[in-house]
C-alpha cells in the first residue's frame, strides 16, 4: 500500500453502498462545506449525485482515484417539464427524475455544475437513503454527459438553411416532445452543398415501447414530429422525404448506421422563448 493510500478502505466504501448514482447525505455535504471542500453556494438546495464510475469509486488505490466527481442537480417546483431538456436532447441542460422521500420529482442539471471531492470522505457516511437516482434516470445522465463529446455535427450550410425553424420547432419539442426518446435524421449528404442542391432528409422519432402503446403520448409526440416536418419542409434547400414515429423496438442497429441523432441542441431553451405547458409527473402518468 502506498503512503497515499494509508487509512483508505475501499471495502468499507463498497460496504456502505456507494456507487454511481448515489446521492450525498446532508450531513456529508455540511462536513464538506465546513472543511471548505464544497462551496455552500454549490451545495445549497442542490442534490449532489455521484457520477464517477463504480469501479473508480471502489478502486483499492486512493492514489489512482483520489477524487469522486459530483453533478449538482436542482429539484424543480411543480410538475412542468421541458421537452427540449429531456432524454439528453440539450448538451448543456438535462431534466430527469429523482425519487425524493418515495416521491418522483423532476430535477434539472447543468453540465458545468460539476465538482470533485476527496474519495476518502465516502468512508464516513452512507449514501442518502431518502434521495435516489434510479437506474433509468442514471443511464440518461451518463449518456447525456457522454454525448457532449461525441454528438453529431451538421454542415454549416444545412444549419443556416433551417435556422428560421428554431423558434417553432423548439416550442413544439418543449410542449410535446417529452415522450420522444430520440430524434434521428438521415441526409442525402453530410457535406456543405451549393445553393442549387437540396438536402434530402428523413426523420425518425422513437418512443419507448410502453409509451408508444399509450395513444395520448403517441398523439403528443406525433404533434411535435409533424411540426418538425412542416417547418423543415418550408426551408429553401431542404426536402423532407419521410418523417416516421416508431417504437424503439422498430429501430434496428442496422438503421443506426444511416441515422444520426438530431437533438437540435443549438436551439434556445430560455424561459422567455419556451414556456411548456404543465404535464403530470412521471408517477402520475
Protein backbone atom coordinates (compact mmCIF):
# COMPACT_ATOMS: atom_id res chain seq x y z
CA UNK A 1 0.00 0.00 0.00
CA UNK A 2 1.43 3.38 -0.95
CA UNK A 3 1.76 6.21 1.56
CA UNK A 4 -1.14 7.99 -0.14
CA UNK A 5 -3.41 5.00 0.49
CA UNK A 6 -2.83 4.86 4.25
CA UNK A 7 -6.15 4.68 6.08
CA UNK A 8 -8.27 4.25 2.97
CA UNK A 9 -10.56 1.22 2.95
CA UNK A 10 -12.20 0.53 -0.45
CA UNK A 11 -14.11 -2.41 1.06
CA UNK A 12 -15.72 -0.01 3.54
CA UNK A 13 -16.79 2.31 0.73
CA UNK A 14 -18.40 -0.61 -1.09
CA UNK A 15 -20.00 -1.95 2.09
CA UNK A 16 -21.63 1.41 2.76
CA UNK A 17 -23.28 1.16 -0.68
CA UNK A 18 -21.53 3.89 -2.66
CA UNK A 19 -21.95 3.54 -6.42
CA UNK A 20 -22.52 5.65 -9.49
CA UNK A 21 -25.81 7.49 -8.94
CA UNK A 22 -25.53 7.64 -5.14
CA UNK A 23 -26.58 10.93 -3.56
CA UNK A 24 -24.59 12.57 -0.79
CA UNK A 25 -26.48 12.85 2.52
CA UNK A 26 -26.93 16.35 4.03
CA UNK A 27 -24.52 15.63 6.88
CA UNK A 28 -21.69 14.82 4.44
CA UNK A 29 -22.44 17.97 2.46
CA UNK A 30 -22.23 20.02 5.65
CA UNK A 31 -18.95 18.33 6.57
CA UNK A 32 -17.52 19.21 3.15
CA UNK A 33 -18.70 22.82 3.42
CA UNK A 34 -17.11 23.21 6.86
CA UNK A 35 -13.86 21.74 5.52
CA UNK A 36 -14.02 24.22 2.63
CA UNK A 37 -14.11 21.31 0.14
CA UNK A 38 -17.54 22.22 -1.18
CA UNK A 39 -18.81 25.73 -1.68
CA UNK A 40 -22.02 26.49 0.16
CA UNK A 41 -23.47 28.13 -2.96
CA UNK A 42 -22.94 24.84 -4.82
CA UNK A 43 -24.48 22.67 -2.14
CA UNK A 44 -27.29 24.94 -1.01
CA UNK A 45 -30.53 23.29 -2.10
CA UNK A 46 -28.69 21.06 -4.57
CA UNK A 47 -28.82 17.29 -4.92
CA UNK A 48 -25.19 16.10 -5.25
CA UNK A 49 -25.12 12.95 -7.41
CA UNK A 50 -22.01 10.78 -7.69
CA UNK A 51 -21.24 10.31 -11.39
CA UNK A 52 -17.85 8.61 -11.16
CA UNK A 53 -17.81 5.05 -12.49
CA UNK A 54 -18.50 2.34 -9.91
CA UNK A 55 -15.07 0.78 -10.48
CA UNK A 56 -13.41 4.12 -9.74
CA UNK A 57 -15.48 4.66 -6.60
CA UNK A 58 -14.35 1.34 -5.11
CA UNK A 59 -10.83 1.27 -6.57
CA UNK A 60 -8.46 -0.10 -3.90
CA UNK A 61 -5.80 2.53 -4.58
CA UNK A 62 -6.70 6.00 -3.42
CA UNK A 63 -3.66 7.36 -5.26
CA UNK A 64 -5.06 6.06 -8.57
CA UNK A 65 -8.54 7.53 -7.99
CA UNK A 66 -8.21 10.25 -5.36
CA UNK A 67 -11.43 12.05 -6.21
CA UNK A 68 -15.12 11.40 -6.78
CA UNK A 69 -16.97 13.53 -9.34
CA UNK A 70 -20.33 15.05 -8.43
CA UNK A 71 -23.13 16.50 -10.55
CA UNK A 72 -25.12 19.15 -8.69
CA UNK A 73 -28.81 18.90 -9.65
CA UNK A 74 -31.65 21.16 -8.60
CA UNK A 75 -35.20 20.00 -7.85
CA UNK A 76 -37.82 21.85 -9.88
CA UNK A 77 -41.04 23.17 -8.38
CA UNK A 78 -44.27 21.68 -9.66
CA UNK A 79 -44.57 19.14 -12.43
CA UNK A 80 -43.55 21.11 -15.53
CA UNK A 81 -41.01 19.53 -17.87
CA UNK A 82 -39.44 20.96 -21.00
CA UNK A 83 -39.34 18.61 -23.96
CA UNK A 84 -36.13 20.24 -25.20
CA UNK A 85 -34.34 19.30 -21.98
CA UNK A 86 -35.27 15.62 -21.56
CA UNK A 87 -33.57 12.44 -22.83
CA UNK A 88 -30.25 14.25 -23.32
CA UNK A 89 -31.66 16.45 -26.09
CA UNK A 90 -29.76 19.53 -24.94
CA UNK A 91 -26.00 19.15 -24.26
CA UNK A 92 -25.95 21.78 -21.52
CA UNK A 93 -29.14 21.15 -19.52
CA UNK A 94 -30.96 17.95 -18.59
CA UNK A 95 -34.27 17.33 -16.85
CA UNK A 96 -34.73 13.90 -15.31
CA UNK A 97 -36.47 12.14 -12.44
CA UNK A 98 -35.21 11.60 -8.89
CA UNK A 99 -37.00 9.78 -6.09
CA UNK A 100 -37.22 12.04 -3.04
CA UNK A 101 -38.78 10.58 0.12
CA UNK A 102 -40.54 8.00 -2.04
CA UNK A 103 -41.99 10.56 -4.48
CA UNK A 104 -40.81 11.07 -8.06
CA UNK A 105 -39.60 14.63 -8.57
CA UNK A 106 -38.29 16.42 -11.63
CA UNK A 107 -34.70 17.64 -11.33
CA UNK A 108 -32.54 19.70 -13.64
CA UNK A 109 -28.78 19.59 -14.03
CA UNK A 110 -26.41 21.82 -15.95
CA UNK A 111 -23.36 20.16 -17.46
CA UNK A 112 -20.92 22.61 -15.91
CA UNK A 113 -22.30 22.22 -12.38
CA UNK A 114 -19.79 19.51 -11.52
CA UNK A 115 -17.11 19.29 -8.88
CA UNK A 116 -14.73 16.82 -7.21
CA UNK A 117 -14.40 15.73 -3.58
CA UNK A 118 -11.80 13.54 -1.87
CA UNK A 119 -12.84 9.91 -2.23
CA UNK A 120 -11.87 9.04 1.32
CA UNK A 121 -14.77 11.22 2.52
CA UNK A 122 -17.10 8.41 1.48
CA UNK A 123 -15.81 6.13 4.24
CA UNK A 124 -17.58 8.10 6.95
CA UNK A 125 -21.11 8.15 5.53
CA UNK A 126 -23.61 6.02 3.66
CA UNK A 127 -25.48 7.39 0.63
CA UNK A 128 -28.66 9.31 1.34
CA UNK A 129 -31.45 6.69 1.69
CA UNK A 130 -34.20 9.27 1.20
CA UNK A 131 -32.94 10.55 -2.17
CA UNK A 132 -32.12 8.17 -5.00
CA UNK A 133 -31.32 8.29 -8.70
CA UNK A 134 -32.89 5.18 -10.21
CA UNK A 135 -31.22 3.16 -12.98
CA UNK A 136 -33.13 4.57 -15.96
CA UNK A 137 -32.53 8.17 -14.86
CA UNK A 138 -28.88 7.41 -14.15
CA UNK A 139 -28.46 5.96 -17.64
CA UNK A 140 -29.88 9.20 -19.07
CA UNK A 141 -27.49 11.33 -17.01
CA UNK A 142 -24.42 9.32 -18.01
CA UNK A 143 -25.39 9.22 -21.71
CA UNK A 144 -26.12 12.96 -21.64
CA UNK A 145 -22.68 13.75 -20.27
CA UNK A 146 -21.05 11.41 -22.78
CA UNK A 147 -22.90 12.99 -25.71
CA UNK A 148 -21.22 16.32 -25.02
CA UNK A 149 -18.11 14.83 -26.57
CA UNK A 150 -19.47 12.58 -29.33
CA UNK A 151 -22.66 14.21 -30.63
CA UNK A 152 -23.15 14.67 -34.36
CA UNK A 153 -22.04 17.82 -36.15
CA UNK A 154 -24.04 19.07 -39.13
CA UNK A 155 -22.90 21.08 -42.18
CA UNK A 156 -22.96 24.84 -41.65
CA UNK A 157 -24.98 25.18 -44.86
CA UNK A 158 -27.65 22.86 -43.51
CA UNK A 159 -27.76 24.72 -40.19
CA UNK A 160 -28.15 28.06 -41.98
CA UNK A 161 -30.98 26.77 -44.16
CA UNK A 162 -33.02 25.58 -41.19
CA UNK A 163 -32.23 28.49 -38.86
CA UNK A 164 -35.67 30.07 -39.30
CA UNK A 165 -37.24 26.93 -37.83
CA UNK A 166 -35.51 27.48 -34.49
CA UNK A 167 -38.34 29.01 -32.52
CA UNK A 168 -41.33 26.96 -33.82
CA UNK A 169 -39.54 23.62 -33.54
CA UNK A 170 -38.14 24.48 -30.11
CA UNK A 171 -41.64 25.40 -28.96
CA UNK A 172 -43.13 22.19 -30.35
CA UNK A 173 -40.47 20.00 -28.73
CA UNK A 174 -40.76 21.80 -25.41
CA UNK A 175 -44.53 21.38 -25.34
CA UNK A 176 -44.94 17.94 -26.91
CA UNK A 177 -41.55 16.25 -27.09
CA UNK A 178 -41.34 14.76 -23.58
CA UNK A 179 -42.32 11.28 -24.72
CA UNK A 180 -39.84 11.07 -27.59
CA UNK A 181 -36.79 9.06 -26.63
CA UNK A 182 -34.64 10.06 -29.60
CA UNK A 183 -34.90 12.06 -32.81
CA UNK A 184 -32.80 10.76 -35.69
CA UNK A 185 -32.06 12.17 -39.11
CA UNK A 186 -30.68 10.72 -42.34
CA UNK A 187 -29.43 13.11 -45.03
CA UNK A 188 -28.54 12.74 -48.68
CA UNK A 189 -25.22 14.44 -47.92
CA UNK A 190 -23.26 15.37 -44.80
CA UNK A 191 -21.13 17.83 -46.76
CA UNK A 192 -21.54 21.54 -47.49
CA UNK A 193 -23.82 21.79 -50.55
CA UNK A 194 -24.06 24.61 -53.10
CA UNK A 195 -27.21 26.72 -53.22
CA UNK A 196 -28.66 24.78 -56.17
CA UNK A 197 -28.58 21.43 -54.33
CA UNK A 198 -31.07 20.39 -51.67
CA UNK A 199 -30.53 18.28 -48.60
CA UNK A 200 -32.96 15.36 -48.72
CA UNK A 201 -33.72 14.39 -45.15
CA UNK A 202 -35.58 11.60 -43.38
CA UNK A 203 -36.72 12.00 -39.78
CA UNK A 204 -37.28 9.13 -37.35
CA UNK A 205 -38.54 9.86 -33.83
CA UNK A 206 -38.59 6.99 -31.36
CA UNK A 207 -40.60 6.28 -28.23
CA UNK A 208 -40.26 3.58 -25.61
CA UNK A 209 -42.37 0.51 -26.37
CA UNK A 210 -44.73 1.23 -23.45
CA UNK A 211 -45.13 4.91 -24.30
CA UNK A 212 -45.77 4.10 -27.96
CA UNK A 213 -48.72 1.95 -26.86
CA UNK A 214 -50.21 4.93 -25.00
CA UNK A 215 -52.44 6.76 -27.51
CA UNK A 216 -52.27 10.10 -25.70
CA UNK A 217 -48.47 10.09 -25.52
CA UNK A 218 -48.20 8.94 -29.12
CA UNK A 219 -50.51 11.75 -30.25
CA UNK A 220 -48.44 14.30 -28.33
CA UNK A 221 -45.18 13.07 -29.87
CA UNK A 222 -46.74 12.96 -33.34
CA UNK A 223 -47.74 16.62 -32.99
CA UNK A 224 -44.11 17.59 -32.33
CA UNK A 225 -42.85 15.47 -35.22
CA UNK A 226 -45.47 16.92 -37.59
CA UNK A 227 -44.32 20.43 -36.70
CA UNK A 228 -40.70 19.49 -37.31
CA UNK A 229 -41.56 18.04 -40.71
CA UNK A 230 -43.68 21.04 -41.70
CA UNK A 231 -41.13 23.66 -40.65
CA UNK A 232 -38.14 21.89 -42.19
CA UNK A 233 -40.06 21.34 -45.43
CA UNK A 234 -40.70 25.08 -45.62
CA UNK A 235 -36.96 25.83 -45.77
CA UNK A 236 -35.33 26.52 -49.12
CA UNK A 237 -32.87 23.79 -49.95
CA UNK A 238 -34.43 21.24 -47.58
CA UNK A 239 -36.63 18.38 -48.78
CA UNK A 240 -38.18 16.11 -46.15
CA UNK A 241 -38.75 12.77 -47.85
CA UNK A 242 -40.21 10.98 -44.80
CA UNK A 243 -40.98 11.52 -41.11
CA UNK A 244 -41.78 8.47 -39.00
CA UNK A 245 -42.74 7.98 -35.36
CA UNK A 246 -41.77 4.49 -34.18
CA UNK A 247 -41.25 2.46 -31.03
CA UNK A 248 -37.70 1.59 -30.00
CA UNK A 249 -38.44 -2.00 -31.00
CA UNK A 250 -38.77 -0.98 -34.65
CA UNK A 251 -35.39 0.74 -34.98
CA UNK A 252 -32.54 -1.70 -35.59
CA UNK A 253 -28.80 -1.42 -35.16
CA UNK A 254 -28.58 -1.52 -38.94
CA UNK A 255 -30.82 1.56 -39.13
CA UNK A 256 -28.43 3.41 -36.82
CA UNK A 257 -25.64 3.02 -39.38
CA UNK A 258 -27.55 5.52 -41.54
CA UNK A 259 -29.10 7.72 -38.86
CA UNK A 260 -27.58 10.37 -36.62
CA UNK A 261 -29.14 11.85 -33.50
CA UNK A 262 -30.80 15.16 -34.29
CA UNK A 263 -31.07 16.86 -30.92
CA UNK A 264 -31.46 20.39 -32.23
CA UNK A 265 -29.01 21.23 -29.48
CA UNK A 266 -28.25 24.73 -30.71
CA UNK A 267 -31.85 25.82 -30.08
CA UNK A 268 -32.53 28.23 -27.26
CA UNK A 269 -34.43 26.85 -24.30
CA UNK A 270 -34.57 30.11 -22.38
CA UNK A 271 -37.72 30.70 -20.38
CA UNK A 272 -38.61 33.76 -22.45
CA UNK A 273 -38.63 31.58 -25.57
CA UNK A 274 -40.01 28.30 -24.23
CA UNK A 275 -42.85 28.08 -21.77
CA UNK A 276 -44.08 24.48 -21.95
CA UNK A 277 -47.46 23.55 -20.51
CA UNK A 278 -47.61 21.61 -17.29
CA UNK A 279 -47.63 17.82 -17.63
CA UNK A 280 -48.28 15.20 -14.97
CA UNK A 281 -45.28 13.97 -13.03
CA UNK A 282 -43.97 10.53 -14.05
CA UNK A 283 -45.59 8.94 -11.00
CA UNK A 284 -49.00 10.16 -12.12
CA UNK A 285 -48.82 9.07 -15.76
